[in-house]
Amino acid sequence: MAQVLEFKLPDLGEGLTEAEIVRWLVEVGDVVAVDQPVVEVETAKAMVEVPCPYGGVVTARFGEEGTELPVGAPLITVAVGERPTGSGGSAASGGSAESASEKSVGSGAEGSGNVLVGYGTSEAPARRRRVRRGRPVSGASAADSRAVNGQGAVPTVANGRAGVPEREDGPVPVISPLVRRLARQNGLDLRELTGSGPDGLILRADVEYALRAAARPGAAEPHTPVPQPASTAPAPQPTATAASGEIRTPLKGVRGAVADKLARSRREIPDATCWVDADATELMRARTAMNAAGGPKISLLALLARICTAALARFPELNSTVDAEAREVVRFDHVHLGFAAQTDRGLVVPVVRDAHARDAESLTAEFARLTEAGRTGTLTPAELTGGTFTLNNYGVFGVDGSTPIINHPEAAMLGVGRIVPKSWVHEGELAVRQVVQLSLTFDHRVCDGGTAGGFLRYVADCVEQPAVLLRTL
């Protein structure tokens, strides 16, 4: 007799709490192998194919394409063991999936042993977060829709919608951590809202409506939100308002994550910016000589990264973060160097691990690999997080200067403008030289202007005289 195992959306790492279903890779009734990808999801960090740690027959899928699911919500159920029979292959042997023993992932059944961050075939730690159960996609049998949740209780269904789990934090009916965060960031008391979800569940739309209402004089009170369907709809697209000609695009996915992070940086970090013009003529000549000597070509970004890591070795205060709760500056002994990259999905900041231990060839290769992964949307969450310092080459957009916003929770970012021919006094005479503007935005809590200025001046000296780097080789 087959066992029906419920596979939940795993923790994809780095505090990600939800993901959007982009494309299902399996249908109800399909036979899947252990570790076979079953769905492609998009998080605020990257596109990820999620493998199922069990082999068997898919008996139910939860969520349409475009649906956002919280971590811990069910993705699919799989009948493991004897292959089910019946229409569409969705019923277990004996005619119904209900006749099978139902379990959740991590209940002790044997699996692949391979894991994503936070899930696998071993017993998972208990979670405080309770999630609302989704409904199977059409095509699954009614028996399939009664997959057991993580606590062993079957969710009730009312009016075609999954029942609301036990409330958290007293009387406030909220289960989504994103809803709580949105309310907290905007100073909204959730106890004043009446949710439009089942049994008064407060939805994200309720909070957004309340915030809009509060911002409009004479608008409806924040505690009277417009009712919204409880079922999750496909991802909204940009919409135009006929009367005003406005076009509204939801801040979600990568764009939403960027907006949240930049706003948090401005809100929490007392930043300051200093800048300097530098003569990059000798750096460009050095790169030309390197590439003429044979071997892999060296990118300009790799040389700038090498200069950054050398400067951070001299001024380690800038390779740090601030632990606001402990009121401590945390300094790192490694440099995980992020670099800003513009892609079709928006701005991403891939991270080169241990950049301080890499030479120019290794840096060039890693920049190329991560940039291509960013263009194709295959960067993993691990490749987009954990940076300690960021290099932003906005010169590729044809601009000379900028005041970069620090990539929270880092302490500094170096911005590099375009390198262009300009009049410059060189060796006492006016000459045409290749000039670049360098900008450093830094967290004033980790250092004062003297340290920031010393870092920037050292970077400029290395740009003007690459031989200065020989001291650190």
Protein backbone atom coordinates (compact mmCIF):
# COMPACT_ATOMS: atom_id res chain seq x y z
CA MET A 1 0.00 0.00 0.00
CA ALA A 2 1.34 3.41 -0.96
CA GLN A 3 2.07 6.24 1.46
CA VAL A 4 1.05 9.78 0.52
CA LEU A 5 3.80 12.20 1.52
CA GLU A 6 3.32 15.94 1.60
CA PHE A 7 6.25 18.00 0.31
CA LYS A 8 6.28 21.59 1.56
CA LEU A 9 7.94 24.68 0.13
CA PRO A 10 11.39 24.53 1.74
CA ASP A 11 13.29 27.30 3.44
CA LEU A 12 15.34 28.75 0.58
CA GLY A 13 17.73 30.52 2.91
CA GLU A 14 18.74 34.02 4.01
CA GLY A 15 15.42 34.96 5.59
CA LEU A 16 13.28 34.37 2.50
CA THR A 17 9.72 33.79 3.64
CA GLU A 18 7.83 33.29 0.38
CA ALA A 19 8.23 32.35 -3.26
CA GLU A 20 6.12 32.71 -6.39
CA ILE A 21 5.31 29.68 -8.51
CA VAL A 22 6.66 30.44 -11.98
CA ARG A 23 6.22 27.09 -13.71
CA TRP A 24 5.13 23.63 -12.72
CA LEU A 25 7.48 20.94 -14.02
CA VAL A 26 5.15 18.02 -13.23
CA GLU A 27 1.45 17.23 -13.61
CA VAL A 28 -0.89 15.35 -11.31
CA GLY A 29 -0.41 11.66 -12.14
CA ASP A 30 3.23 12.05 -13.26
CA VAL A 31 5.82 9.67 -11.86
CA VAL A 32 8.71 11.58 -10.28
CA ALA A 33 12.14 10.33 -9.26
CA VAL A 34 14.00 11.20 -6.10
CA ASP A 35 15.49 14.71 -6.33
CA GLN A 36 13.65 15.48 -9.57
CA PRO A 37 12.77 19.19 -9.87
CA VAL A 38 9.00 19.57 -9.62
CA VAL A 39 8.47 23.33 -9.69
CA GLU A 40 10.31 26.49 -10.62
CA VAL A 41 9.83 29.33 -8.15
CA GLU A 42 10.98 32.91 -8.01
CA THR A 43 12.06 34.42 -4.73
CA ALA A 44 13.13 37.96 -4.06
CA LYS A 45 16.65 36.69 -4.72
CA ALA A 46 16.61 34.32 -7.66
CA MET A 47 14.82 31.73 -9.77
CA VAL A 48 15.12 28.30 -8.16
CA GLU A 49 14.11 24.81 -9.31
CA VAL A 50 12.86 22.93 -6.26
CA PRO A 51 13.59 19.18 -6.20
CA CYS A 52 11.35 16.73 -4.39
CA PRO A 53 13.21 14.37 -2.02
CA TYR A 54 10.73 11.54 -2.67
CA GLY A 55 9.99 9.32 -5.65
CA GLY A 56 6.49 8.23 -6.58
CA VAL A 57 3.31 9.48 -8.24
CA VAL A 58 2.18 13.10 -7.92
CA THR A 59 -1.31 13.07 -6.41
CA ALA A 60 -1.86 16.80 -5.87
CA ARG A 61 -0.33 20.18 -6.61
CA PHE A 62 -0.95 23.26 -4.46
CA GLY A 63 -1.05 26.65 -6.12
CA GLU A 64 -1.46 27.91 -9.65
CA GLU A 65 1.39 29.50 -11.61
CA GLY A 66 1.70 33.07 -10.37
CA THR A 67 0.67 32.15 -6.83
CA GLU A 68 2.83 33.31 -3.93
CA LEU A 69 3.29 30.68 -1.22
CA PRO A 70 4.87 31.10 2.22
CA VAL A 71 7.70 28.85 3.31
CA GLY A 72 6.19 25.74 4.85
CA ALA A 73 3.08 25.71 2.68
CA PRO A 74 2.40 22.46 0.81
CA LEU A 75 3.69 22.19 -2.76
CA ILE A 76 2.74 18.66 -3.81
CA THR A 77 1.75 15.31 -2.40
CA VAL A 78 3.42 12.16 -3.69
CA ALA A 79 2.22 8.58 -3.37
CA VAL A 80 5.36 6.62 -2.46
CA GLY A 81 5.61 2.87 -2.73
CA GLU A 82 3.11 0.87 -4.75
CA ARG A 83 2.10 2.87 -7.82
CA PRO A 84 -1.47 4.20 -7.49
CA THR A 85 -4.13 3.16 -9.96
CA GLY A 86 -7.25 4.85 -11.20
CA SER A 87 -8.14 7.85 -13.27
CA GLY A 88 -5.17 10.06 -13.93
CA GLY A 89 -3.05 8.02 -11.57
CA SER A 90 -4.08 10.29 -8.71
CA ALA A 91 -5.65 7.68 -6.45
CA ALA A 92 -3.65 5.28 -4.37
CA SER A 93 -3.92 1.52 -4.75
CA GLY A 94 -7.41 0.58 -3.63
CA GLY A 95 -9.07 3.53 -5.39
CA SER A 96 -8.37 6.48 -3.09
CA ALA A 97 -5.42 8.35 -1.70
CA GLU A 98 -7.35 8.41 1.59
CA SER A 99 -6.65 4.72 1.97
CA ALA A 100 -2.93 5.37 2.13
CA SER A 101 -1.02 6.31 5.22
CA GLU A 102 -0.39 10.06 4.93
CA LYS A 103 2.75 11.70 6.20
CA SER A 104 4.62 14.97 5.89
CA VAL A 105 8.17 15.45 4.68
CA GLY A 106 10.54 14.89 7.56
CA SER A 107 8.28 12.36 9.26
CA GLY A 108 10.85 9.65 9.16
CA ALA A 109 10.24 8.16 5.71
CA GLU A 110 13.31 7.44 3.68
CA GLY A 111 14.26 10.11 1.16
CA SER A 112 17.13 11.33 -0.94
CA GLY A 113 19.29 12.79 1.80
CA ASN A 114 19.92 15.83 -0.40
CA VAL A 115 18.78 19.17 0.92
CA LEU A 116 18.12 22.78 0.15
CA VAL A 117 18.65 25.25 2.94
CA GLY A 118 16.43 24.31 5.86
CA TYR A 119 14.86 21.11 4.60
CA GLY A 120 15.77 17.58 3.80
CA THR A 121 14.92 14.03 4.59
CA SER A 122 15.87 14.25 8.23
CA GLU A 123 13.54 15.56 10.91
CA ALA A 124 13.14 19.30 10.52
CA PRO A 125 13.14 21.58 13.55
CA ALA A 126 9.77 22.73 14.78
CA ARG A 127 8.63 26.01 13.29
CA ARG A 128 6.71 28.71 15.10
CA ARG A 129 5.25 29.96 11.83
CA ARG A 130 1.85 28.51 11.00
CA VAL A 131 0.81 28.56 7.38
CA ARG A 132 -2.51 28.62 5.66
CA ARG A 133 -3.13 25.51 3.64
CA GLY A 134 -3.60 25.88 -0.09
CA ARG A 135 -6.04 24.04 -2.33
CA PRO A 136 -4.89 21.46 -4.89
CA VAL A 137 -4.80 22.58 -8.50
CA SER A 138 -7.76 21.33 -10.51
CA GLY A 139 -7.13 17.79 -11.67
CA ALA A 140 -6.38 16.37 -8.24
CA SER A 141 -9.01 14.26 -6.56
CA ALA A 142 -10.99 15.40 -3.54
CA ALA A 143 -9.15 12.87 -1.44
CA ASP A 144 -5.87 14.41 -2.51
CA SER A 145 -6.94 17.78 -1.14
CA ARG A 146 -6.95 16.40 2.38
CA ALA A 147 -3.16 16.12 2.74
CA VAL A 148 -2.07 16.20 6.36
CA ASN A 149 -0.41 19.35 7.66
CA GLY A 150 2.81 19.51 9.66
CA GLN A 151 1.03 19.11 13.01
CA GLY A 152 -1.02 16.12 11.88
CA ALA A 153 -4.32 18.05 11.82
CA VAL A 154 -6.43 18.13 8.68
CA PRO A 155 -7.40 21.71 7.74
CA THR A 156 -11.11 22.35 7.40
CA VAL A 157 -12.59 23.81 4.25
CA ALA A 158 -15.31 26.45 4.30
CA ASN A 159 -16.82 28.08 1.20
CA GLY A 160 -14.18 26.44 -0.94
CA ARG A 161 -11.30 27.94 1.06
CA ALA A 162 -8.83 26.41 3.42
CA GLY A 163 -9.52 26.95 7.09
CA VAL A 164 -7.55 29.46 9.13
CA PRO A 165 -4.99 27.99 11.53
CA GLU A 166 -4.75 28.83 15.17
CA ARG A 167 -4.01 32.49 15.78
CA GLU A 168 -0.59 33.69 16.81
CA ASP A 169 0.33 36.46 19.24
CA GLY A 170 -3.04 36.62 20.95
CA PRO A 171 -6.13 37.92 19.19
CA VAL A 172 -4.48 39.35 16.07
CA PRO A 173 -5.41 37.01 13.17
CA VAL A 174 -2.25 37.22 11.08
CA ILE A 175 -0.24 34.28 9.79
CA SER A 176 2.01 35.93 7.18
CA PRO A 177 5.34 37.32 8.41
CA LEU A 178 5.33 39.65 5.42
CA VAL A 179 2.05 41.20 6.56
CA ARG A 180 3.46 41.71 10.06
CA ARG A 181 6.63 43.27 8.66
CA LEU A 182 4.72 45.60 6.33
CA ALA A 183 2.56 46.81 9.19
CA ARG A 184 5.52 47.21 11.55
CA GLN A 185 7.58 49.19 9.02
CA ASN A 186 4.71 51.62 8.48
CA GLY A 187 3.70 51.96 12.13
CA LEU A 188 0.32 50.31 11.59
CA ASP A 189 -1.40 48.61 14.54
CA LEU A 190 -2.82 45.34 13.22
CA ARG A 191 -5.27 45.21 16.13
CA GLU A 192 -7.15 48.10 14.53
CA LEU A 193 -7.80 46.19 11.29
CA THR A 194 -10.63 43.86 10.36
CA GLY A 195 -9.32 41.22 8.00
CA SER A 196 -11.13 40.33 4.79
CA GLY A 197 -9.88 36.75 4.82
CA PRO A 198 -11.72 33.75 6.22
CA ASP A 199 -12.59 34.12 9.92
CA GLY A 200 -11.24 37.68 9.81
CA LEU A 201 -7.74 36.74 8.67
CA ILE A 202 -5.74 39.91 7.95
CA LEU A 203 -4.30 39.76 4.44
CA ARG A 204 -1.56 41.79 2.80
CA ALA A 205 -4.23 43.58 0.75
CA ASP A 206 -5.90 44.70 3.97
CA VAL A 207 -2.71 46.33 5.23
CA GLU A 208 -2.00 47.99 1.88
CA TYR A 209 -5.55 49.32 1.72
CA ALA A 210 -5.30 50.69 5.24
CA LEU A 211 -2.06 52.47 4.43
CA ARG A 212 -3.54 54.01 1.28
CA ALA A 213 -6.66 55.07 3.16
CA ALA A 214 -4.60 56.68 5.91
CA ALA A 215 -2.64 58.64 3.32
CA ARG A 216 -5.76 60.07 1.64
CA PRO A 217 -7.69 62.83 3.46
CA GLY A 218 -11.36 61.97 3.78
CA ALA A 219 -10.84 58.39 2.68
CA ALA A 220 -12.33 55.33 4.35
CA GLU A 221 -11.11 54.46 7.81
CA PRO A 222 -8.07 52.13 7.94
CA HIS A 223 -10.06 49.46 9.78
CA THR A 224 -12.61 49.03 6.93
CA PRO A 225 -10.65 47.35 4.14
CA VAL A 226 -12.19 46.33 0.83
CA PRO A 227 -12.90 42.59 0.97
CA GLN A 228 -10.47 40.51 -1.08
CA PRO A 229 -10.80 36.91 -2.29
CA ALA A 230 -9.13 34.50 0.10
CA SER A 231 -7.70 32.39 -2.69
CA THR A 232 -4.39 33.53 -4.10
CA ALA A 233 -4.66 35.06 -7.56
CA PRO A 234 -1.99 35.02 -10.27
CA ALA A 235 0.71 37.67 -10.01
CA PRO A 236 -0.72 41.08 -10.95
CA GLN A 237 0.57 42.78 -14.05
CA PRO A 238 1.07 46.53 -14.63
CA THR A 239 -2.34 48.15 -15.05
CA ALA A 240 -3.40 51.43 -16.59
CA THR A 241 -6.09 53.64 -15.10
CA ALA A 242 -8.27 55.03 -17.89
CA ALA A 243 -9.28 58.19 -16.04
CA SER A 244 -5.83 59.34 -15.00
CA GLY A 245 -3.57 57.48 -17.41
CA GLU A 246 -1.59 56.08 -14.50
CA ILE A 247 0.33 52.84 -14.88
CA ARG A 248 0.79 50.87 -11.66
CA THR A 249 3.37 48.11 -11.30
CA PRO A 250 3.43 46.02 -8.11
CA LEU A 251 6.62 46.24 -6.07
CA LYS A 252 7.26 42.52 -5.81
CA GLY A 253 9.91 39.96 -6.66
CA VAL A 254 13.36 41.40 -7.31
CA ARG A 255 12.05 44.96 -7.70
CA GLY A 256 10.25 44.73 -4.38
CA ALA A 257 13.28 43.26 -2.64
CA VAL A 258 15.50 46.04 -3.99
CA ALA A 259 13.01 48.68 -2.87
CA ASP A 260 12.80 47.22 0.64
CA LYS A 261 16.55 46.94 1.01
CA LEU A 262 17.33 50.43 -0.25
CA ALA A 263 14.63 51.96 1.93
CA ARG A 264 15.97 50.09 4.94
CA SER A 265 19.51 51.28 4.18
CA ARG A 266 18.42 54.91 4.05
CA ARG A 267 16.30 54.49 7.17
CA GLU A 268 18.87 52.73 9.36
CA ILE A 269 22.33 53.75 8.15
CA PRO A 270 23.73 57.26 8.75
CA ASP A 271 25.71 57.34 5.52
CA ALA A 272 28.10 59.88 4.09
CA THR A 273 29.80 60.11 0.70
CA CYS A 274 33.22 61.34 -0.36
CA TRP A 275 34.65 61.30 -3.86
CA VAL A 276 37.79 62.05 -5.83
CA ASP A 277 38.88 62.22 -9.46
CA ALA A 278 41.75 59.94 -10.44
CA ASP A 279 43.98 59.55 -13.48
CA ALA A 280 43.37 55.98 -14.67
CA THR A 281 45.71 56.16 -17.66
CA GLU A 282 48.37 53.91 -16.11
CA LEU A 283 45.78 51.38 -14.93
CA MET A 284 44.41 51.09 -18.46
CA ARG A 285 47.92 50.66 -19.83
CA ALA A 286 48.68 47.99 -17.25
CA ARG A 287 45.56 46.07 -18.24
CA THR A 288 46.49 46.30 -21.91
CA ALA A 289 49.94 44.94 -21.13
CA MET A 290 48.51 42.08 -19.08
CA ASN A 291 46.16 41.03 -21.86
CA ALA A 292 48.89 41.31 -24.49
CA ALA A 293 51.06 38.86 -22.52
CA GLY A 294 48.74 35.94 -23.32
CA GLY A 295 46.47 33.84 -21.16
CA PRO A 296 42.94 34.68 -20.04
CA LYS A 297 41.92 38.29 -20.50
CA ILE A 298 41.76 40.42 -17.37
CA SER A 299 38.68 42.59 -16.89
CA LEU A 300 38.80 46.13 -15.58
CA LEU A 301 36.31 45.16 -12.89
CA ALA A 302 38.70 42.48 -11.66
CA LEU A 303 41.51 45.03 -11.32
CA LEU A 304 39.24 47.39 -9.42
CA ALA A 305 38.19 44.51 -7.17
CA ARG A 306 41.84 43.67 -6.51
CA ILE A 307 42.41 47.31 -5.54
CA CYS A 308 39.36 47.20 -3.24
CA THR A 309 40.55 44.13 -1.36
CA ALA A 310 44.00 45.67 -0.90
CA ALA A 311 42.43 48.87 0.42
CA LEU A 312 40.20 46.92 2.82
CA ALA A 313 43.26 45.17 4.20
CA ARG A 314 44.60 48.60 5.14
CA PHE A 315 41.26 49.99 6.32
CA PRO A 316 39.35 46.99 7.72
CA GLU A 317 36.82 49.22 9.48
CA LEU A 318 34.97 49.46 6.17
CA ASN A 319 34.71 45.68 5.84
CA SER A 320 32.18 45.38 8.63
CA THR A 321 28.58 45.68 9.72
CA VAL A 322 26.76 47.19 12.69
CA ASP A 323 24.86 45.03 15.15
CA ALA A 324 22.38 47.67 16.27
CA GLU A 325 20.81 45.57 19.01
CA ALA A 326 24.15 44.77 20.64
CA ARG A 327 25.55 48.22 19.77
CA GLU A 328 28.65 46.62 18.31
CA VAL A 329 30.63 46.95 15.09
CA VAL A 330 31.29 43.50 13.67
CA ARG A 331 34.48 43.40 11.58
CA PHE A 332 35.08 40.56 9.10
CA ASP A 333 38.39 38.81 8.43
CA HIS A 334 37.29 37.90 4.90
CA VAL A 335 36.06 39.94 1.95
CA HIS A 336 32.94 38.67 0.22
CA LEU A 337 32.76 41.25 -2.54
CA GLY A 338 29.38 42.12 -4.02
CA PHE A 339 29.07 43.87 -7.36
CA ALA A 340 26.00 45.56 -8.78
CA ALA A 341 24.69 44.04 -12.01
CA GLN A 342 21.70 45.22 -14.03
CA THR A 343 19.58 42.39 -15.47
CA ASP A 344 16.21 42.01 -17.18
CA ARG A 345 14.77 41.04 -13.76
CA GLY A 346 16.17 44.16 -12.13
CA LEU A 347 19.23 45.10 -10.11
CA VAL A 348 21.02 42.20 -8.45
CA VAL A 349 24.21 42.09 -6.40
CA PRO A 350 26.04 38.77 -6.84
CA VAL A 351 28.78 38.05 -4.31
CA VAL A 352 32.31 36.84 -5.02
CA ARG A 353 33.32 34.72 -2.04
CA ASP A 354 36.76 35.26 -0.52
CA ALA A 355 37.68 37.92 -3.06
CA HIS A 356 40.70 38.84 -0.95
CA ALA A 357 42.26 35.44 -1.71
CA ARG A 358 41.77 35.62 -5.50
CA ASP A 359 44.09 36.95 -8.17
CA ALA A 360 42.99 39.01 -11.17
CA GLU A 361 42.41 35.94 -13.37
CA SER A 362 40.26 34.23 -10.77
CA LEU A 363 38.27 37.41 -10.15
CA THR A 364 37.69 37.89 -13.87
CA ALA A 365 36.38 34.35 -14.27
CA GLU A 366 34.08 34.60 -11.24
CA PHE A 367 32.68 37.97 -12.31
CA ALA A 368 31.92 36.53 -15.75
CA ARG A 369 30.24 33.43 -14.29
CA LEU A 370 28.05 35.37 -11.87
CA THR A 371 27.15 38.01 -14.45
CA GLU A 372 25.97 35.35 -16.90
CA ALA A 373 23.99 33.62 -14.16
CA GLY A 374 22.38 36.95 -13.36
CA ARG A 375 21.36 37.47 -16.98
CA THR A 376 19.80 34.02 -17.21
CA GLY A 377 18.12 34.27 -13.80
CA THR A 378 19.94 31.25 -12.38
CA LEU A 379 21.73 32.91 -9.48
CA THR A 380 21.13 31.00 -6.26
CA PRO A 381 20.18 32.71 -2.99
CA ALA A 382 23.63 31.86 -1.63
CA GLU A 383 25.26 33.72 -4.55
CA LEU A 384 23.21 36.83 -3.81
CA THR A 385 23.78 37.13 -0.09
CA GLY A 386 26.53 37.36 2.48
CA GLY A 387 28.50 40.26 1.01
CA THR A 388 30.74 42.38 3.22
CA PHE A 389 31.55 45.20 0.76
CA THR A 390 30.11 46.20 -2.62
CA LEU A 391 31.72 47.53 -5.79
CA ASN A 392 29.38 49.45 -8.08
CA ASN A 393 30.64 50.20 -11.58
CA TYR A 394 27.91 52.59 -12.73
CA GLY A 395 30.30 53.94 -15.36
CA VAL A 396 28.93 51.26 -17.71
CA PHE A 397 25.77 53.39 -17.92
CA GLY A 398 27.78 56.34 -19.23
CA VAL A 399 27.66 58.45 -16.08
CA ASP A 400 30.57 60.12 -14.32
CA GLY A 401 29.49 60.08 -10.70
CA SER A 402 26.90 59.01 -8.16
CA THR A 403 26.21 58.80 -4.44
CA PRO A 404 25.69 55.05 -3.95
CA ILE A 405 23.24 53.72 -1.38
CA ILE A 406 24.92 51.19 0.90
CA ASN A 407 23.88 47.59 0.39
CA HIS A 408 22.41 46.94 3.85
CA PRO A 409 23.74 45.55 6.19
CA GLU A 410 27.20 46.32 4.83
CA ALA A 411 29.15 49.40 5.90
CA ALA A 412 30.42 50.82 2.62
CA MET A 413 30.21 50.81 -1.16
CA LEU A 414 32.72 52.02 -3.74
CA GLY A 415 31.25 53.58 -6.86
CA VAL A 416 33.21 53.90 -10.12
CA GLY A 417 32.18 56.26 -12.91
CA ARG A 418 33.08 56.08 -16.58
CA ILE A 419 36.70 56.47 -17.64
CA VAL A 420 36.90 59.25 -20.23
CA PRO A 421 39.61 61.46 -21.78
CA LYS A 422 39.90 64.75 -19.93
CA SER A 423 42.32 67.61 -19.53
CA TRP A 424 44.66 66.81 -16.64
CA VAL A 425 47.83 68.24 -15.24
CA HIS A 426 50.40 65.46 -15.61
CA GLU A 427 54.01 65.95 -14.53
CA GLY A 428 53.53 69.72 -14.48
CA GLU A 429 51.99 69.98 -17.93
CA LEU A 430 48.47 69.99 -19.27
CA ALA A 431 47.69 66.70 -21.00
CA VAL A 432 44.77 64.55 -22.08
CA ARG A 433 44.45 61.66 -19.64
CA GLN A 434 41.93 58.91 -18.87
CA VAL A 435 40.07 60.23 -15.81
CA VAL A 436 37.60 58.47 -13.53
CA GLN A 437 35.55 59.66 -10.57
CA LEU A 438 35.54 57.38 -7.51
CA SER A 439 32.84 57.67 -4.83
CA LEU A 440 32.77 56.03 -1.41
CA THR A 441 29.57 55.90 0.60
CA PHE A 442 30.18 54.69 4.15
CA ASP A 443 28.37 54.09 7.41
CA HIS A 444 29.49 56.90 9.69
CA ARG A 445 28.97 54.63 12.70
CA VAL A 446 31.89 52.37 11.77
CA CYS A 447 34.45 55.11 11.10
CA ASP A 448 35.02 58.80 10.68
CA GLY A 449 35.95 60.80 7.62
CA GLY A 450 39.66 60.27 8.13
CA THR A 451 39.37 56.52 7.66
CA ALA A 452 36.99 56.85 4.71
CA GLY A 453 39.21 59.45 3.09
CA GLY A 454 42.30 57.30 3.64
CA PHE A 455 40.59 54.32 2.00
CA LEU A 456 39.46 56.35 -1.00
CA ARG A 457 42.83 58.02 -1.41
CA TYR A 458 44.59 54.64 -1.36
CA VAL A 459 42.21 53.35 -4.04
CA ALA A 460 42.90 56.44 -6.16
CA ASP A 461 46.68 56.00 -5.71
CA CYS A 462 46.44 52.40 -6.93
CA VAL A 463 44.38 53.51 -9.92
CA GLU A 464 46.94 56.18 -10.79
CA GLN A 465 49.99 54.05 -10.01
CA PRO A 466 49.16 50.32 -10.21
CA ALA A 467 52.66 49.52 -9.00
CA VAL A 468 51.47 50.54 -5.52
CA LEU A 469 49.66 47.20 -5.44
CA LEU A 470 52.97 45.34 -5.56
CA ARG A 471 53.35 46.03 -1.85
CA THR A 472 50.35 43.79 -1.12
CA LEU A 473 51.16 40.93 -3.50
